N, C-alpha and C. Protein backbone atom coordinates (compact mmCIF):
# COMPACT_ATOMS: atom_id res chain seq x y z
N UNK A 1 23.30 3.84 -5.05
CA UNK A 1 23.20 2.76 -4.09
C UNK A 1 23.73 1.48 -4.73
N UNK A 2 24.62 0.82 -4.08
CA UNK A 2 25.19 -0.43 -4.57
C UNK A 2 24.36 -1.60 -4.08
N UNK A 3 24.23 -2.60 -4.92
CA UNK A 3 23.52 -3.81 -4.53
C UNK A 3 24.52 -4.86 -4.06
N UNK A 4 24.06 -5.72 -3.19
CA UNK A 4 24.87 -6.83 -2.75
C UNK A 4 25.16 -7.75 -3.94
N UNK A 5 26.26 -8.46 -3.91
CA UNK A 5 26.59 -9.38 -4.98
C UNK A 5 25.49 -10.43 -5.08
N UNK A 6 24.97 -10.62 -6.28
CA UNK A 6 23.91 -11.59 -6.51
C UNK A 6 22.51 -11.05 -6.29
N UNK A 7 22.40 -9.78 -5.88
CA UNK A 7 21.09 -9.18 -5.64
C UNK A 7 20.65 -8.43 -6.89
N UNK A 8 19.42 -8.63 -7.29
CA UNK A 8 18.90 -7.97 -8.47
C UNK A 8 18.63 -6.50 -8.20
N UNK A 9 18.81 -5.68 -9.22
CA UNK A 9 18.46 -4.27 -9.13
C UNK A 9 16.96 -4.07 -9.18
N UNK A 10 16.23 -5.09 -9.65
CA UNK A 10 14.78 -5.03 -9.72
C UNK A 10 14.22 -6.35 -9.21
N UNK A 11 14.09 -6.49 -7.90
CA UNK A 11 13.63 -7.76 -7.33
C UNK A 11 12.26 -8.20 -7.84
N UNK A 12 11.41 -7.26 -8.23
CA UNK A 12 10.08 -7.61 -8.73
C UNK A 12 10.07 -7.75 -10.24
N UNK A 13 11.24 -7.80 -10.84
CA UNK A 13 11.34 -7.89 -12.30
C UNK A 13 10.93 -9.24 -12.85
N UNK A 14 11.25 -9.44 -14.11
CA UNK A 14 10.87 -10.66 -14.81
C UNK A 14 11.45 -11.87 -14.09
N UNK A 15 10.59 -12.86 -13.80
CA UNK A 15 11.07 -14.04 -13.10
C UNK A 15 12.08 -14.83 -13.94
N UNK A 16 13.03 -15.45 -13.29
CA UNK A 16 14.02 -16.26 -13.95
C UNK A 16 13.32 -17.39 -14.70
N UNK A 17 13.69 -17.59 -15.96
CA UNK A 17 13.12 -18.68 -16.75
C UNK A 17 11.87 -18.30 -17.50
N UNK A 18 11.30 -17.12 -17.25
CA UNK A 18 10.12 -16.72 -18.01
C UNK A 18 10.56 -16.34 -19.42
N UNK A 19 9.65 -16.41 -20.33
CA UNK A 19 10.00 -16.23 -21.73
C UNK A 19 9.56 -14.86 -22.25
N UNK A 20 10.39 -14.26 -23.08
CA UNK A 20 9.99 -13.07 -23.80
C UNK A 20 9.82 -13.47 -25.26
N UNK A 21 9.50 -12.54 -26.12
CA UNK A 21 9.23 -12.88 -27.53
C UNK A 21 10.44 -13.52 -28.21
N UNK A 22 11.63 -13.07 -27.88
CA UNK A 22 12.83 -13.63 -28.52
C UNK A 22 12.99 -15.09 -28.16
N UNK A 23 12.79 -15.42 -26.88
CA UNK A 23 12.95 -16.82 -26.48
C UNK A 23 11.80 -17.68 -26.99
N UNK A 24 10.64 -17.08 -27.22
CA UNK A 24 9.53 -17.84 -27.81
C UNK A 24 9.89 -18.22 -29.24
N UNK A 25 10.38 -17.25 -30.01
CA UNK A 25 10.77 -17.53 -31.40
C UNK A 25 11.90 -18.55 -31.44
N UNK A 26 12.86 -18.40 -30.53
CA UNK A 26 13.96 -19.36 -30.48
C UNK A 26 13.45 -20.75 -30.12
N UNK A 27 12.45 -20.83 -29.26
CA UNK A 27 11.86 -22.12 -28.90
C UNK A 27 11.18 -22.79 -30.06
N UNK A 28 10.51 -22.00 -30.90
CA UNK A 28 9.88 -22.56 -32.10
C UNK A 28 10.96 -23.03 -33.06
N UNK A 29 12.00 -22.22 -33.24
CA UNK A 29 13.08 -22.59 -34.16
C UNK A 29 13.80 -23.85 -33.71
N UNK A 30 13.94 -24.01 -32.41
CA UNK A 30 14.64 -25.18 -31.87
C UNK A 30 13.73 -26.41 -31.80
N UNK A 31 12.44 -26.21 -32.02
CA UNK A 31 11.51 -27.33 -31.96
C UNK A 31 10.96 -27.58 -30.57
N UNK A 32 11.26 -26.71 -29.61
CA UNK A 32 10.75 -26.87 -28.25
C UNK A 32 9.28 -26.49 -28.14
N UNK A 33 8.82 -25.58 -29.02
CA UNK A 33 7.43 -25.13 -29.03
C UNK A 33 6.87 -25.24 -30.43
N UNK A 34 5.60 -25.57 -30.51
CA UNK A 34 4.94 -25.52 -31.82
C UNK A 34 4.52 -24.08 -32.07
N UNK A 35 4.27 -23.72 -33.32
CA UNK A 35 3.81 -22.35 -33.58
C UNK A 35 2.51 -22.01 -32.84
N UNK A 36 1.62 -22.96 -32.69
CA UNK A 36 0.37 -22.67 -31.97
C UNK A 36 0.63 -22.46 -30.48
N UNK A 37 1.56 -23.23 -29.90
CA UNK A 37 1.92 -23.02 -28.50
C UNK A 37 2.57 -21.65 -28.33
N UNK A 38 3.42 -21.28 -29.28
CA UNK A 38 4.08 -19.98 -29.22
C UNK A 38 3.06 -18.86 -29.29
N UNK A 39 2.05 -19.01 -30.15
CA UNK A 39 0.99 -18.00 -30.26
C UNK A 39 0.21 -17.86 -28.97
N UNK A 40 -0.13 -18.99 -28.36
CA UNK A 40 -0.86 -18.96 -27.09
C UNK A 40 -0.02 -18.32 -26.00
N UNK A 41 1.24 -18.66 -25.96
CA UNK A 41 2.14 -18.10 -24.95
C UNK A 41 2.30 -16.59 -25.15
N UNK A 42 2.41 -16.15 -26.40
CA UNK A 42 2.54 -14.72 -26.68
C UNK A 42 1.30 -13.96 -26.22
N UNK A 43 0.11 -14.56 -26.40
CA UNK A 43 -1.12 -13.92 -25.93
C UNK A 43 -1.13 -13.78 -24.42
N UNK A 44 -0.70 -14.80 -23.73
CA UNK A 44 -0.64 -14.76 -22.26
C UNK A 44 0.32 -13.67 -21.81
N UNK A 45 1.46 -13.58 -22.47
CA UNK A 45 2.45 -12.55 -22.13
C UNK A 45 1.86 -11.16 -22.35
N UNK A 46 1.15 -10.97 -23.48
CA UNK A 46 0.55 -9.66 -23.76
C UNK A 46 -0.47 -9.28 -22.70
N UNK A 47 -1.30 -10.23 -22.26
CA UNK A 47 -2.29 -9.96 -21.22
C UNK A 47 -1.59 -9.58 -19.92
N UNK A 48 -0.54 -10.30 -19.58
CA UNK A 48 0.21 -10.03 -18.36
C UNK A 48 0.83 -8.63 -18.40
N UNK A 49 1.41 -8.28 -19.53
CA UNK A 49 2.03 -6.96 -19.67
C UNK A 49 0.98 -5.87 -19.55
N UNK A 50 -0.18 -6.05 -20.20
CA UNK A 50 -1.24 -5.05 -20.11
C UNK A 50 -1.74 -4.90 -18.67
N UNK A 51 -1.82 -6.01 -17.95
CA UNK A 51 -2.27 -5.95 -16.55
C UNK A 51 -1.29 -5.14 -15.70
N UNK A 52 0.00 -5.35 -15.92
CA UNK A 52 1.02 -4.60 -15.18
C UNK A 52 0.95 -3.12 -15.52
N UNK A 53 0.82 -2.82 -16.83
CA UNK A 53 0.73 -1.42 -17.25
C UNK A 53 -0.50 -0.75 -16.66
N UNK A 54 -1.63 -1.47 -16.65
CA UNK A 54 -2.87 -0.91 -16.11
C UNK A 54 -2.72 -0.64 -14.62
N UNK A 55 -2.12 -1.56 -13.90
CA UNK A 55 -1.93 -1.37 -12.46
C UNK A 55 -1.04 -0.15 -12.20
N UNK A 56 0.05 -0.05 -12.96
CA UNK A 56 0.96 1.09 -12.78
C UNK A 56 0.24 2.40 -13.10
N UNK A 57 -0.57 2.41 -14.15
CA UNK A 57 -1.31 3.62 -14.52
C UNK A 57 -2.30 3.99 -13.42
N UNK A 58 -3.02 2.99 -12.89
CA UNK A 58 -3.97 3.26 -11.81
C UNK A 58 -3.28 3.85 -10.59
N UNK A 59 -2.10 3.33 -10.26
CA UNK A 59 -1.36 3.85 -9.11
C UNK A 59 -0.94 5.30 -9.34
N UNK A 60 -0.45 5.60 -10.54
CA UNK A 60 -0.05 6.98 -10.85
C UNK A 60 -1.26 7.91 -10.83
N UNK A 61 -2.38 7.44 -11.39
CA UNK A 61 -3.60 8.25 -11.41
C UNK A 61 -4.08 8.53 -9.99
N UNK A 62 -4.04 7.54 -9.13
CA UNK A 62 -4.45 7.73 -7.73
C UNK A 62 -3.56 8.76 -7.05
N UNK A 63 -2.27 8.71 -7.32
CA UNK A 63 -1.33 9.67 -6.74
C UNK A 63 -1.66 11.09 -7.19
N UNK A 64 -1.96 11.25 -8.47
CA UNK A 64 -2.30 12.58 -9.00
C UNK A 64 -3.62 13.05 -8.41
N UNK A 65 -4.60 12.16 -8.33
CA UNK A 65 -5.89 12.55 -7.76
C UNK A 65 -5.74 12.98 -6.30
N UNK A 66 -4.92 12.28 -5.53
CA UNK A 66 -4.68 12.65 -4.14
C UNK A 66 -4.02 14.03 -4.07
N UNK A 67 -3.07 14.27 -4.96
CA UNK A 67 -2.37 15.56 -4.95
C UNK A 67 -3.32 16.70 -5.30
N UNK A 68 -4.27 16.44 -6.19
CA UNK A 68 -5.23 17.47 -6.58
C UNK A 68 -6.23 17.73 -5.45
N UNK A 69 -6.65 16.67 -4.78
CA UNK A 69 -7.63 16.80 -3.69
C UNK A 69 -7.04 17.51 -2.48
N UNK A 70 -5.80 17.22 -2.17
CA UNK A 70 -5.18 17.83 -0.99
C UNK A 70 -3.80 18.35 -1.33
N UNK A 71 -3.74 19.53 -1.95
CA UNK A 71 -2.43 20.10 -2.27
C UNK A 71 -1.65 20.38 -1.00
N UNK A 72 -0.34 20.32 -1.08
CA UNK A 72 0.48 20.57 0.11
C UNK A 72 0.32 22.01 0.57
N UNK A 73 0.34 22.19 1.89
CA UNK A 73 0.23 23.53 2.47
C UNK A 73 1.50 24.31 2.16
N UNK A 74 1.36 25.55 1.79
CA UNK A 74 2.51 26.38 1.49
C UNK A 74 2.97 27.09 2.75
N UNK A 75 4.17 26.76 3.15
CA UNK A 75 4.77 27.45 4.28
C UNK A 75 5.74 28.48 3.76
N UNK A 76 6.59 28.95 4.61
CA UNK A 76 7.55 29.97 4.18
C UNK A 76 8.53 29.40 3.16
N UNK A 77 8.83 28.09 3.26
CA UNK A 77 9.78 27.50 2.32
C UNK A 77 9.14 27.24 0.97
N UNK A 78 7.85 26.89 0.96
CA UNK A 78 7.22 26.51 -0.29
C UNK A 78 6.41 27.61 -0.93
N UNK A 79 6.41 28.80 -0.34
CA UNK A 79 5.61 29.90 -0.87
C UNK A 79 6.15 30.32 -2.23
N UNK A 80 5.23 30.65 -3.11
CA UNK A 80 5.65 31.10 -4.44
C UNK A 80 6.04 32.57 -4.37
N UNK A 81 7.01 32.93 -5.15
CA UNK A 81 7.45 34.29 -5.20
C UNK A 81 7.03 34.90 -6.52
N UNK A 82 6.97 36.23 -6.57
CA UNK A 82 6.58 36.89 -7.79
C UNK A 82 7.54 36.61 -8.94
N UNK A 83 8.79 36.35 -8.64
CA UNK A 83 9.77 36.12 -9.69
C UNK A 83 9.91 34.63 -10.03
N UNK A 84 8.92 33.82 -9.62
CA UNK A 84 8.98 32.38 -9.89
C UNK A 84 8.91 32.14 -11.40
N UNK A 85 9.66 31.19 -11.84
CA UNK A 85 9.70 30.87 -13.26
C UNK A 85 8.95 29.56 -13.49
N UNK A 86 8.11 29.52 -14.49
CA UNK A 86 7.33 28.33 -14.78
C UNK A 86 7.83 27.66 -16.01
């Protein structure tokens, strides 16, 4: 699928202007941030990343739990055959 010119491939991705560890270190080196500000910012980033990872894990876990609770009905197309390979 092609994206329109100027359209992001990940619209929910990292916001423009947000900082990652490389830009934090560069900010300290350039004098834009003090080391203590950089440390505080890095902690905030770590918490944010963990929150995103936790949310994604919870969503995947819910999907698996739903699949286990209500497996799809096997029709003629989905029926397993004796020669099925696992």
